[in-house]
Amino acid sequence: MFTTPRQLVRTLVPMPGANVPEGRMVELPGRGSTFVTDTPGPTPDSPVVVLLHAVGTTGLLTWFPSVAPLAEKYRVITLDQRWHGRGVQSEEFSLRDCADDAVALLGVLGVQQAIFAGFSLGSIVAQRVWRQHPRRVAGLVLCATTDRFRSTITERLFHETMELSMGGLRGIARSRAGNTAARVAGRVLDIDPPDVHEWALSELGSTNPWAVAQAVAALGRHHSRPWLGRIDAPTAVVVTLHDKVIPPARQLDLARRIPGATVHDIPAGHASCVLEAEVFVPALVEACVTVSARVHDVPRTARR
């Protein structure tokens, strides 16, 4: 019998059962609009956690297994980063803009400070949030990430090739047809999904492939090592020990360079936020609790 790609995914990719929170489009003044979910915590003054997603995915696709467990203690916010899902559309993609978008959202939602938690690309953006807006960062939770790419010959060749390729493809990525197609594909809440596989496939398809390439090229230019030692916000690093994308040694090296960072290692890979959620989510919650407990104990020196 012929097996379709969707049937193959259902068979080979176990998806965690979790409620997908509803969201809405939010206008960021002077920047554009993005899709946001805002799940209340147990009390009106619960600490706020902003979740920043991985490359090529969306806020919900990376974080849907984590939202409900975190919401037992925190107000939990997700957003689609620019060029992803229903995120801000712009002429160029930059990590700096992604960080500014996240802080602009705090302003719209009336939030002064938040713990910024990121996975992979999201952790790179979280680092930049502290670099650009230290006073808005109550703490950082950095998952499956590094302080720089292009540290090996293979990585340098990959990112340099990607950057050159993007020069010719940028027009396609910015095209009205491409952006419209991405947004139409991203209207996933029109699906009535008790079927998590169907929802996840639609969510994954909501990001233009050229946008993914642009984001990967931007990651290749990231280099936070010179200033990691100045991070003064309480920080936790979730290390994925079976990671084939970002070696655990690089993740641990990043943790050692951030003063006072705690390490929460798990026997899981780079897609563990969803595919090994039963291992990842408890470590994420633990990391957030560790950070929030230290928010008022760590002296802050970053004032720029």
C-alpha atoms as a PDB file:
ATOM      1  CA  MET A   1       0.000   0.000   0.000  1.00  0.00           C
ATOM      2  CA  PHE A   2       1.273   3.502  -0.885  1.00  0.00           C
ATOM      3  CA  THR A   3       2.263   5.577   2.144  1.00  0.00           C
ATOM      4  CA  THR A   4       1.943   9.331   1.931  1.00  0.00           C
ATOM      5  CA  PRO A   5       4.530  11.623   3.583  1.00  0.00           C
ATOM      6  CA  ARG A   6       1.937  12.666   6.161  1.00  0.00           C
ATOM      7  CA  GLN A   7       1.204   9.036   7.036  1.00  0.00           C
ATOM      8  CA  LEU A   8       4.921   8.384   7.349  1.00  0.00           C
ATOM      9  CA  VAL A   9       5.285  11.296   9.761  1.00  0.00           C
ATOM     10  CA  ARG A  10       2.410   9.984  11.863  1.00  0.00           C
ATOM     11  CA  THR A  11       4.116   6.597  12.055  1.00  0.00           C
ATOM     12  CA  LEU A  12       7.701   7.676  12.697  1.00  0.00           C
ATOM     13  CA  VAL A  13       7.361  10.901  14.697  1.00  0.00           C
ATOM     14  CA  PRO A  14       5.720  10.596  18.107  1.00  0.00           C
ATOM     15  CA  MET A  15       4.063  13.867  19.122  1.00  0.00           C
ATOM     16  CA  PRO A  16       3.275  14.757  22.721  1.00  0.00           C
ATOM     17  CA  GLY A  17      -0.343  15.255  23.641  1.00  0.00           C
ATOM     18  CA  ALA A  18      -0.851  18.846  24.786  1.00  0.00           C
ATOM     19  CA  ASN A  19      -3.395  21.587  24.455  1.00  0.00           C
ATOM     20  CA  VAL A  20      -2.417  24.221  21.902  1.00  0.00           C
ATOM     21  CA  PRO A  21      -3.185  27.664  23.375  1.00  0.00           C
ATOM     22  CA  GLU A  22      -5.130  30.149  21.314  1.00  0.00           C
ATOM     23  CA  GLY A  23      -3.443  33.352  20.227  1.00  0.00           C
ATOM     24  CA  ARG A  24      -3.939  36.579  18.310  1.00  0.00           C
ATOM     25  CA  MET A  25      -2.146  38.937  15.987  1.00  0.00           C
ATOM     26  CA  VAL A  26      -0.473  41.794  17.862  1.00  0.00           C
ATOM     27  CA  GLU A  27       0.765  45.014  16.271  1.00  0.00           C
ATOM     28  CA  LEU A  28       4.244  46.097  17.371  1.00  0.00           C
ATOM     29  CA  PRO A  29       4.306  49.881  16.798  1.00  0.00           C
ATOM     30  CA  GLY A  30       6.556  50.814  13.921  1.00  0.00           C
ATOM     31  CA  ARG A  31       7.694  47.222  13.408  1.00  0.00           C
ATOM     32  CA  GLY A  32       4.836  45.092  12.083  1.00  0.00           C
ATOM     33  CA  SER A  33       2.534  42.433  13.479  1.00  0.00           C
ATOM     34  CA  THR A  34       3.155  38.978  14.882  1.00  0.00           C
ATOM     35  CA  PHE A  35       1.208  36.049  16.267  1.00  0.00           C
ATOM     36  CA  VAL A  36       1.247  35.912  20.069  1.00  0.00           C
ATOM     37  CA  THR A  37      -0.082  33.635  22.779  1.00  0.00           C
ATOM     38  CA  ASP A  38      -0.382  34.975  26.322  1.00  0.00           C
ATOM     39  CA  THR A  39      -1.236  32.332  28.914  1.00  0.00           C
ATOM     40  CA  PRO A  40      -1.944  33.660  32.434  1.00  0.00           C
ATOM     41  CA  GLY A  41      -0.146  32.318  35.463  1.00  0.00           C
ATOM     42  CA  PRO A  42      -1.702  31.320  38.777  1.00  0.00           C
ATOM     43  CA  THR A  43      -1.924  34.936  39.993  1.00  0.00           C
ATOM     44  CA  PRO A  44      -2.165  38.343  38.268  1.00  0.00           C
ATOM     45  CA  ASP A  45       1.363  39.215  39.409  1.00  0.00           C
ATOM     46  CA  SER A  46       2.976  35.934  38.339  1.00  0.00           C
ATOM     47  CA  PRO A  47       6.491  36.317  36.909  1.00  0.00           C
ATOM     48  CA  VAL A  48       6.552  36.488  33.106  1.00  0.00           C
ATOM     49  CA  VAL A  49       8.410  34.034  30.871  1.00  0.00           C
ATOM     50  CA  VAL A  50       8.830  34.892  27.176  1.00  0.00           C
ATOM     51  CA  LEU A  51       9.553  31.815  25.050  1.00  0.00           C
ATOM     52  CA  LEU A  52      11.656  32.303  21.901  1.00  0.00           C
ATOM     53  CA  HIS A  53      11.471  29.548  19.328  1.00  0.00           C
ATOM     54  CA  ALA A  54      13.904  27.545  17.180  1.00  0.00           C
ATOM     55  CA  VAL A  55      14.783  28.282  13.547  1.00  0.00           C
ATOM     56  CA  GLY A  56      12.261  27.224  10.920  1.00  0.00           C
ATOM     57  CA  THR A  57       9.482  26.708  13.455  1.00  0.00           C
ATOM     58  CA  THR A  58       7.038  28.984  15.304  1.00  0.00           C
ATOM     59  CA  GLY A  59       6.398  30.034  18.873  1.00  0.00           C
ATOM     60  CA  LEU A  60       3.779  27.362  19.372  1.00  0.00           C
ATOM     61  CA  LEU A  61       5.481  24.565  17.448  1.00  0.00           C
ATOM     62  CA  THR A  62       8.605  24.781  19.599  1.00  0.00           C
ATOM     63  CA  TRP A  63       6.862  25.407  22.905  1.00  0.00           C
ATOM     64  CA  PHE A  64       3.354  23.886  22.918  1.00  0.00           C
ATOM     65  CA  PRO A  65       4.352  21.007  25.258  1.00  0.00           C
ATOM     66  CA  SER A  66       5.914  23.503  27.691  1.00  0.00           C
ATOM     67  CA  VAL A  67       3.248  26.189  27.996  1.00  0.00           C
ATOM     68  CA  ALA A  68       0.825  24.463  30.380  1.00  0.00           C
ATOM     69  CA  PRO A  69       3.489  23.165  32.817  1.00  0.00           C
ATOM     70  CA  LEU A  70       5.140  26.605  32.928  1.00  0.00           C
ATOM     71  CA  ALA A  71       1.776  28.335  33.382  1.00  0.00           C
ATOM     72  CA  GLU A  72       1.396  26.596  36.737  1.00  0.00           C
ATOM     73  CA  LYS A  73       3.977  29.095  38.012  1.00  0.00           C
ATOM     74  CA  TYR A  74       4.350  31.823  35.365  1.00  0.00           C
ATOM     75  CA  ARG A  75       2.556  33.990  32.857  1.00  0.00           C
ATOM     76  CA  VAL A  76       3.797  32.472  29.586  1.00  0.00           C
ATOM     77  CA  ILE A  77       4.153  34.402  26.327  1.00  0.00           C
ATOM     78  CA  THR A  78       5.113  33.049  22.898  1.00  0.00           C
ATOM     79  CA  LEU A  79       5.543  34.923  19.646  1.00  0.00           C
ATOM     80  CA  ASP A  80       6.447  34.104  16.068  1.00  0.00           C
ATOM     81  CA  GLN A  81       9.797  35.714  15.379  1.00  0.00           C
ATOM     82  CA  ARG A  82      10.212  37.743  12.202  1.00  0.00           C
ATOM     83  CA  TRP A  83      10.143  35.828   8.929  1.00  0.00           C
ATOM     84  CA  HIS A  84       8.749  32.792  10.794  1.00  0.00           C
ATOM     85  CA  GLY A  85       5.109  31.697  10.789  1.00  0.00           C
ATOM     86  CA  ARG A  86       2.985  34.793  11.190  1.00  0.00           C
ATOM     87  CA  GLY A  87       5.857  36.912  12.443  1.00  0.00           C
ATOM     88  CA  VAL A  88       6.928  40.385  11.326  1.00  0.00           C
ATOM     89  CA  GLN A  89       7.751  40.660   7.614  1.00  0.00           C
ATOM     90  CA  SER A  90      10.634  42.980   6.767  1.00  0.00           C
ATOM     91  CA  GLU A  91      13.167  43.752   4.062  1.00  0.00           C
ATOM     92  CA  GLU A  92      15.955  41.977   5.923  1.00  0.00           C
ATOM     93  CA  PHE A  93      16.267  39.397   8.695  1.00  0.00           C
ATOM     94  CA  SER A  94      18.515  40.184  11.652  1.00  0.00           C
ATOM     95  CA  LEU A  95      18.949  38.800  15.151  1.00  0.00           C
ATOM     96  CA  ARG A  96      19.111  42.369  16.442  1.00  0.00           C
ATOM     97  CA  ASP A  97      15.621  43.048  15.072  1.00  0.00           C
ATOM     98  CA  CYS A  98      14.304  39.804  16.579  1.00  0.00           C
ATOM     99  CA  ALA A  99      15.538  40.925  20.009  1.00  0.00           C
ATOM    100  CA  ASP A 100      13.965  44.364  19.578  1.00  0.00           C
ATOM    101  CA  ASP A 101      10.672  42.733  18.522  1.00  0.00           C
ATOM    102  CA  ALA A 102      10.548  40.685  21.719  1.00  0.00           C
ATOM    103  CA  VAL A 103      11.072  43.769  23.884  1.00  0.00           C
ATOM    104  CA  ALA A 104       8.559  45.765  21.845  1.00  0.00           C
ATOM    105  CA  LEU A 105       6.008  43.060  22.641  1.00  0.00           C
ATOM    106  CA  LEU A 106       6.665  43.539  26.360  1.00  0.00           C
ATOM    107  CA  GLY A 107       5.760  47.194  25.917  1.00  0.00           C
ATOM    108  CA  VAL A 108       2.514  46.384  24.135  1.00  0.00           C
ATOM    109  CA  LEU A 109       1.537  43.863  26.829  1.00  0.00           C
ATOM    110  CA  GLY A 110       2.465  46.201  29.680  1.00  0.00           C
ATOM    111  CA  VAL A 111       5.287  44.022  30.995  1.00  0.00           C
ATOM    112  CA  GLN A 112       8.346  45.704  32.488  1.00  0.00           C
ATOM    113  CA  GLN A 113      10.657  42.691  32.844  1.00  0.00           C
ATOM    114  CA  ALA A 114      10.596  39.033  31.873  1.00  0.00           C
ATOM    115  CA  ILE A 115      12.622  35.868  31.967  1.00  0.00           C
ATOM    116  CA  PHE A 116      13.583  35.157  28.354  1.00  0.00           C
ATOM    117  CA  ALA A 117      13.830  31.461  27.551  1.00  0.00           C
ATOM    118  CA  GLY A 118      15.030  30.337  24.143  1.00  0.00           C
ATOM    119  CA  PHE A 119      15.647  27.117  22.276  1.00  0.00           C
ATOM    120  CA  SER A 120      18.493  27.055  19.712  1.00  0.00           C
ATOM    121  CA  LEU A 121      17.883  30.184  17.558  1.00  0.00           C
ATOM    122  CA  GLY A 122      15.645  31.470  20.353  1.00  0.00           C
ATOM    123  CA  SER A 123      18.531  31.284  22.822  1.00  0.00           C
ATOM    124  CA  ILE A 124      20.716  33.302  20.462  1.00  0.00           C
ATOM    125  CA  VAL A 125      17.959  35.930  20.333  1.00  0.00           C
ATOM    126  CA  ALA A 126      17.663  35.809  24.144  1.00  0.00           C
ATOM    127  CA  GLN A 127      21.384  36.571  24.425  1.00  0.00           C
ATOM    128  CA  ARG A 128      20.866  39.558  22.162  1.00  0.00           C
ATOM    129  CA  VAL A 129      17.876  40.730  24.225  1.00  0.00           C
ATOM    130  CA  TRP A 130      20.189  41.019  27.226  1.00  0.00           C
ATOM    131  CA  ARG A 131      22.882  42.697  25.113  1.00  0.00           C
ATOM    132  CA  GLN A 132      20.472  45.315  23.742  1.00  0.00           C
ATOM    133  CA  HIS A 133      17.958  45.698  26.583  1.00  0.00           C
ATOM    134  CA  PRO A 134      19.534  44.473  29.866  1.00  0.00           C
ATOM    135  CA  ARG A 135      17.037  46.311  32.062  1.00  0.00           C
ATOM    136  CA  ARG A 136      14.124  44.378  30.529  1.00  0.00           C
ATOM    137  CA  VAL A 137      15.699  40.991  31.321  1.00  0.00           C
ATOM    138  CA  ALA A 138      14.855  39.475  34.702  1.00  0.00           C
ATOM    139  CA  GLY A 139      16.708  36.293  33.779  1.00  0.00           C
ATOM    140  CA  LEU A 140      17.768  34.001  30.945  1.00  0.00           C
ATOM    141  CA  VAL A 141      17.131  30.330  30.226  1.00  0.00           C
ATOM    142  CA  LEU A 142      19.269  29.204  27.286  1.00  0.00           C
ATOM    143  CA  CYS A 143      18.488  25.791  25.790  1.00  0.00           C
ATOM    144  CA  ALA A 144      20.474  23.831  23.183  1.00  0.00           C
ATOM    145  CA  THR A 145      22.609  26.765  22.138  1.00  0.00           C
ATOM    146  CA  THR A 146      26.080  28.215  21.669  1.00  0.00           C
ATOM    147  CA  ASP A 147      27.890  31.534  21.674  1.00  0.00           C
ATOM    148  CA  ARG A 148      29.126  31.303  18.094  1.00  0.00           C
ATOM    149  CA  PHE A 149      29.073  29.276  14.907  1.00  0.00           C
ATOM    150  CA  ARG A 150      31.764  28.972  12.201  1.00  0.00           C
ATOM    151  CA  SER A 151      34.128  27.477  14.774  1.00  0.00           C
ATOM    152  CA  THR A 152      35.061  24.568  12.481  1.00  0.00           C
ATOM    153  CA  ILE A 153      35.966  24.437   8.790  1.00  0.00           C
ATOM    154  CA  THR A 154      32.710  22.591   8.036  1.00  0.00           C
ATOM    155  CA  GLU A 155      30.604  25.211   9.828  1.00  0.00           C
ATOM    156  CA  ARG A 156      32.438  28.081   8.144  1.00  0.00           C
ATOM    157  CA  LEU A 157      31.897  26.580   4.689  1.00  0.00           C
ATOM    158  CA  PHE A 158      28.235  25.881   5.428  1.00  0.00           C
ATOM    159  CA  HIS A 159      27.401  29.374   6.693  1.00  0.00           C
ATOM    160  CA  GLU A 160      29.486  31.166   4.048  1.00  0.00           C
ATOM    161  CA  THR A 161      27.760  29.174   1.311  1.00  0.00           C
ATOM    162  CA  MET A 162      24.373  29.892   2.850  1.00  0.00           C
ATOM    163  CA  GLU A 163      25.153  33.607   3.019  1.00  0.00           C
ATOM    164  CA  LEU A 164      26.224  33.739  -0.633  1.00  0.00           C
ATOM    165  CA  SER A 165      23.164  31.781  -1.715  1.00  0.00           C
ATOM    166  CA  MET A 166      20.885  34.149   0.137  1.00  0.00           C
ATOM    167  CA  GLY A 167      22.206  37.070  -1.906  1.00  0.00           C
ATOM    168  CA  GLY A 168      20.447  35.669  -4.946  1.00  0.00           C
ATOM    169  CA  LEU A 169      17.394  34.324  -3.157  1.00  0.00           C
ATOM    170  CA  ARG A 170      16.539  37.356  -1.039  1.00  0.00           C
ATOM    171  CA  GLY A 171      14.097  38.675  -3.588  1.00  0.00           C
ATOM    172  CA  ILE A 172      12.176  35.418  -3.565  1.00  0.00           C
ATOM    173  CA  ALA A 173      12.044  35.398   0.226  1.00  0.00           C
ATOM    174  CA  ARG A 174      10.663  38.917   0.275  1.00  0.00           C
ATOM    175  CA  SER A 175       8.222  38.398  -2.555  1.00  0.00           C
ATOM    176  CA  ARG A 176       4.579  39.139  -1.889  1.00  0.00           C
ATOM    177  CA  ALA A 177       3.597  35.717  -3.182  1.00  0.00           C
ATOM    178  CA  GLY A 178       6.038  33.947  -0.863  1.00  0.00           C
ATOM    179  CA  ASN A 179       5.027  35.918   2.191  1.00  0.00           C
ATOM    180  CA  THR A 180       1.326  35.522   1.431  1.00  0.00           C
ATOM    181  CA  ALA A 181       1.738  31.790   0.978  1.00  0.00           C
ATOM    182  CA  ALA A 182       3.552  31.539   4.297  1.00  0.00           C
ATOM    183  CA  ARG A 183       0.845  33.477   6.110  1.00  0.00           C
ATOM    184  CA  VAL A 184      -1.961  31.450   4.553  1.00  0.00           C
ATOM    185  CA  ALA A 185      -0.218  28.216   5.494  1.00  0.00           C
ATOM    186  CA  GLY A 186       0.234  29.581   8.997  1.00  0.00           C
ATOM    187  CA  ARG A 187      -3.444  30.050   9.800  1.00  0.00           C
ATOM    188  CA  VAL A 188      -3.309  26.835  11.736  1.00  0.00           C
ATOM    189  CA  LEU A 189      -5.989  27.660  14.253  1.00  0.00           C
ATOM    190  CA  ASP A 190      -8.520  27.291  11.437  1.00  0.00           C
ATOM    191  CA  ILE A 191      -7.732  23.589  11.748  1.00  0.00           C
ATOM    192  CA  ASP A 192      -9.643  21.920  14.531  1.00  0.00           C
ATOM    193  CA  PRO A 193      -6.807  19.755  15.726  1.00  0.00           C
ATOM    194  CA  PRO A 194      -7.272  17.058  18.184  1.00  0.00           C
ATOM    195  CA  ASP A 195      -4.835  15.782  15.498  1.00  0.00           C
ATOM    196  CA  VAL A 196      -1.522  17.180  16.729  1.00  0.00           C
ATOM    197  CA  HIS A 197       0.389  15.770  13.750  1.00  0.00           C
ATOM    198  CA  GLU A 198      -1.810  17.648  11.276  1.00  0.00           C
ATOM    199  CA  TRP A 199      -1.470  20.865  13.266  1.00  0.00           C
ATOM    200  CA  ALA A 200       2.321  20.502  13.570  1.00  0.00           C
ATOM    201  CA  LEU A 201       2.751  19.874   9.839  1.00  0.00           C
ATOM    202  CA  SER A 202       0.693  22.959   9.039  1.00  0.00           C
ATOM    203  CA  GLU A 203       2.627  25.030  11.558  1.00  0.00           C
ATOM    204  CA  LEU A 204       5.943  23.826  10.162  1.00  0.00           C
ATOM    205  CA  GLY A 205       4.801  24.746   6.657  1.00  0.00           C
ATOM    206  CA  SER A 206       3.970  28.290   7.702  1.00  0.00           C
ATOM    207  CA  THR A 207       7.579  29.482   7.371  1.00  0.00           C
ATOM    208  CA  ASN A 208       8.979  30.285   3.938  1.00  0.00           C
ATOM    209  CA  PRO A 209      12.026  28.010   3.255  1.00  0.00           C
ATOM    210  CA  TRP A 210      14.006  31.009   2.038  1.00  0.00           C
ATOM    211  CA  ALA A 211      13.328  32.706   5.358  1.00  0.00           C
ATOM    212  CA  VAL A 212      14.838  29.710   7.119  1.00  0.00           C
ATOM    213  CA  ALA A 213      17.964  30.038   4.987  1.00  0.00           C
ATOM    214  CA  GLN A 214      18.199  33.736   5.810  1.00  0.00           C
ATOM    215  CA  ALA A 215      17.914  32.983   9.534  1.00  0.00           C
ATOM    216  CA  VAL A 216      20.608  30.304   9.291  1.00  0.00           C
ATOM    217  CA  ALA A 217      22.889  32.777   7.527  1.00  0.00           C
ATOM    218  CA  ALA A 218      22.296  35.289  10.335  1.00  0.00           C
ATOM    219  CA  LEU A 219      23.130  32.646  12.936  1.00  0.00           C
ATOM    220  CA  GLY A 220      26.456  32.133  11.213  1.00  0.00           C
ATOM    221  CA  ARG A 221      27.342  35.755  11.957  1.00  0.00           C
ATOM    222  CA  HIS A 222      26.458  35.516  15.658  1.00  0.00           C
ATOM    223  CA  HIS A 223      29.382  35.775  18.089  1.00  0.00           C
ATOM    224  CA  SER A 224      28.580  36.602  21.708  1.00  0.00           C
ATOM    225  CA  ARG A 225      31.729  35.231  23.338  1.00  0.00           C
ATOM    226  CA  PRO A 226      33.341  38.678  23.833  1.00  0.00           C
ATOM    227  CA  TRP A 227      30.494  39.820  26.112  1.00  0.00           C
ATOM    228  CA  LEU A 228      29.055  36.654  27.690  1.00  0.00           C
ATOM    229  CA  GLY A 229      31.133  37.295  30.795  1.00  0.00           C
ATOM    230  CA  ARG A 230      29.283  40.571  31.340  1.00  0.00           C
ATOM    231  CA  ILE A 231      25.825  38.987  31.557  1.00  0.00           C
ATOM    232  CA  ASP A 232      24.566  39.913  35.014  1.00  0.00           C
ATOM    233  CA  ALA A 233      21.057  38.449  34.843  1.00  0.00           C
ATOM    234  CA  PRO A 234      20.540  35.102  36.591  1.00  0.00           C
ATOM    235  CA  THR A 235      20.986  32.469  33.909  1.00  0.00           C
ATOM    236  CA  ALA A 236      20.317  28.753  33.485  1.00  0.00           C
ATOM    237  CA  VAL A 237      21.586  26.656  30.592  1.00  0.00           C
ATOM    238  CA  VAL A 238      19.725  23.515  29.524  1.00  0.00           C
ATOM    239  CA  VAL A 239      22.279  21.250  27.820  1.00  0.00           C
ATOM    240  CA  THR A 240      21.052  18.589  25.394  1.00  0.00           C
ATOM    241  CA  LEU A 241      23.642  15.829  25.813  1.00  0.00           C
ATOM    242  CA  HIS A 242      22.648  13.849  22.689  1.00  0.00           C
ATOM    243  CA  ASP A 243      22.627  16.915  20.447  1.00  0.00           C
ATOM    244  CA  LYS A 244      24.035  16.364  16.923  1.00  0.00           C
ATOM    245  CA  VAL A 245      23.485  19.987  15.830  1.00  0.00           C
ATOM    246  CA  ILE A 246      25.187  21.911  18.647  1.00  0.00           C
ATOM    247  CA  PRO A 247      27.693  19.662  20.451  1.00  0.00           C
ATOM    248  CA  PRO A 248      27.166  19.451  24.218  1.00  0.00           C
ATOM    249  CA  ALA A 249      30.752  20.612  24.801  1.00  0.00           C
ATOM    250  CA  ARG A 250      29.918  23.916  23.101  1.00  0.00           C
ATOM    251  CA  GLN A 251      26.781  24.316  25.202  1.00  0.00           C
ATOM    252  CA  LEU A 252      28.735  23.659  28.396  1.00  0.00           C
ATOM    253  CA  ASP A 253      31.435  26.092  27.315  1.00  0.00           C
ATOM    254  CA  LEU A 254      28.787  28.799  26.913  1.00  0.00           C
ATOM    255  CA  ALA A 255      27.484  28.053  30.421  1.00  0.00           C
ATOM    256  CA  ARG A 256      30.963  28.337  31.928  1.00  0.00           C
ATOM    257  CA  ARG A 257      31.446  31.784  30.386  1.00  0.00           C
ATOM    258  CA  ILE A 258      28.304  33.267  32.001  1.00  0.00           C
ATOM    259  CA  PRO A 259      28.888  34.231  35.644  1.00  0.00           C
ATOM    260  CA  GLY A 260      26.863  32.076  38.015  1.00  0.00           C
ATOM    261  CA  ALA A 261      24.995  30.169  35.296  1.00  0.00           C
ATOM    262  CA  THR A 262      23.458  26.893  36.406  1.00  0.00           C
ATOM    263  CA  VAL A 263      23.590  23.829  34.176  1.00  0.00           C
ATOM    264  CA  HIS A 264      20.639  21.498  33.646  1.00  0.00           C
ATOM    265  CA  ASP A 265      21.719  18.646  31.386  1.00  0.00           C
ATOM    266  CA  ILE A 266      19.356  16.117  29.876  1.00  0.00           C
ATOM    267  CA  PRO A 267      19.898  12.917  27.845  1.00  0.00           C
ATOM    268  CA  ALA A 268      18.130  14.262  24.756  1.00  0.00           C
ATOM    269  CA  GLY A 269      18.738  15.658  21.280  1.00  0.00           C
ATOM    270  CA  HIS A 270      18.221  18.914  19.412  1.00  0.00           C
ATOM    271  CA  ALA A 271      14.484  18.401  18.839  1.00  0.00           C
ATOM    272  CA  SER A 272      13.843  17.472  22.450  1.00  0.00           C
ATOM    273  CA  CYS A 273      11.558  20.463  23.074  1.00  0.00           C
ATOM    274  CA  VAL A 274       8.884  18.480  21.217  1.00  0.00           C
ATOM    275  CA  LEU A 275      10.069  14.964  20.380  1.00  0.00           C
ATOM    276  CA  GLU A 276      11.453  14.281  23.872  1.00  0.00           C
ATOM    277  CA  ALA A 277       9.203  16.638  25.775  1.00  0.00           C
ATOM    278  CA  GLU A 278       8.870  14.228  28.684  1.00  0.00           C
ATOM    279  CA  VAL A 279      12.585  14.780  29.369  1.00  0.00           C
ATOM    280  CA  PHE A 280      12.935  18.391  28.246  1.00  0.00           C
ATOM    281  CA  VAL A 281       9.941  20.071  29.892  1.00  0.00           C
ATOM    282  CA  PRO A 282      10.806  19.139  33.515  1.00  0.00           C
ATOM    283  CA  ALA A 283      14.349  20.464  32.965  1.00  0.00           C
ATOM    284  CA  LEU A 284      12.964  23.679  31.470  1.00  0.00           C
ATOM    285  CA  VAL A 285      10.634  24.216  34.430  1.00  0.00           C
ATOM    286  CA  GLU A 286      13.489  23.503  36.847  1.00  0.00           C
ATOM    287  CA  ALA A 287      15.717  25.994  35.018  1.00  0.00           C
ATOM    288  CA  CYS A 288      13.026  28.695  35.140  1.00  0.00           C
ATOM    289  CA  VAL A 289      12.443  28.104  38.849  1.00  0.00           C
ATOM    290  CA  THR A 290      16.183  28.329  39.506  1.00  0.00           C
ATOM    291  CA  VAL A 291      16.401  31.618  37.621  1.00  0.00           C
ATOM    292  CA  SER A 292      13.288  33.190  39.147  1.00  0.00           C
ATOM    293  CA  ALA A 293      14.502  32.294  42.654  1.00  0.00           C
ATOM    294  CA  ARG A 294      17.676  34.305  41.996  1.00  0.00           C
ATOM    295  CA  VAL A 295      16.108  37.362  40.337  1.00  0.00           C
ATOM    296  CA  HIS A 296      16.374  39.526  43.464  1.00  0.00           C
ATOM    297  CA  ASP A 297      19.574  37.937  44.780  1.00  0.00           C
ATOM    298  CA  VAL A 298      21.950  38.609  41.882  1.00  0.00           C
ATOM    299  CA  PRO A 299      23.488  42.125  41.846  1.00  0.00           C
ATOM    300  CA  ARG A 300      22.864  43.856  38.510  1.00  0.00           C
ATOM    301  CA  THR A 301      25.626  45.885  36.884  1.00  0.00           C
ATOM    302  CA  ALA A 302      24.504  46.167  33.229  1.00  0.00           C
ATOM    303  CA  ARG A 303      23.137  49.649  32.698  1.00  0.00           C
ATOM    304  CA  ARG A 304      23.524  50.865  29.112  1.00  0.00           C
END
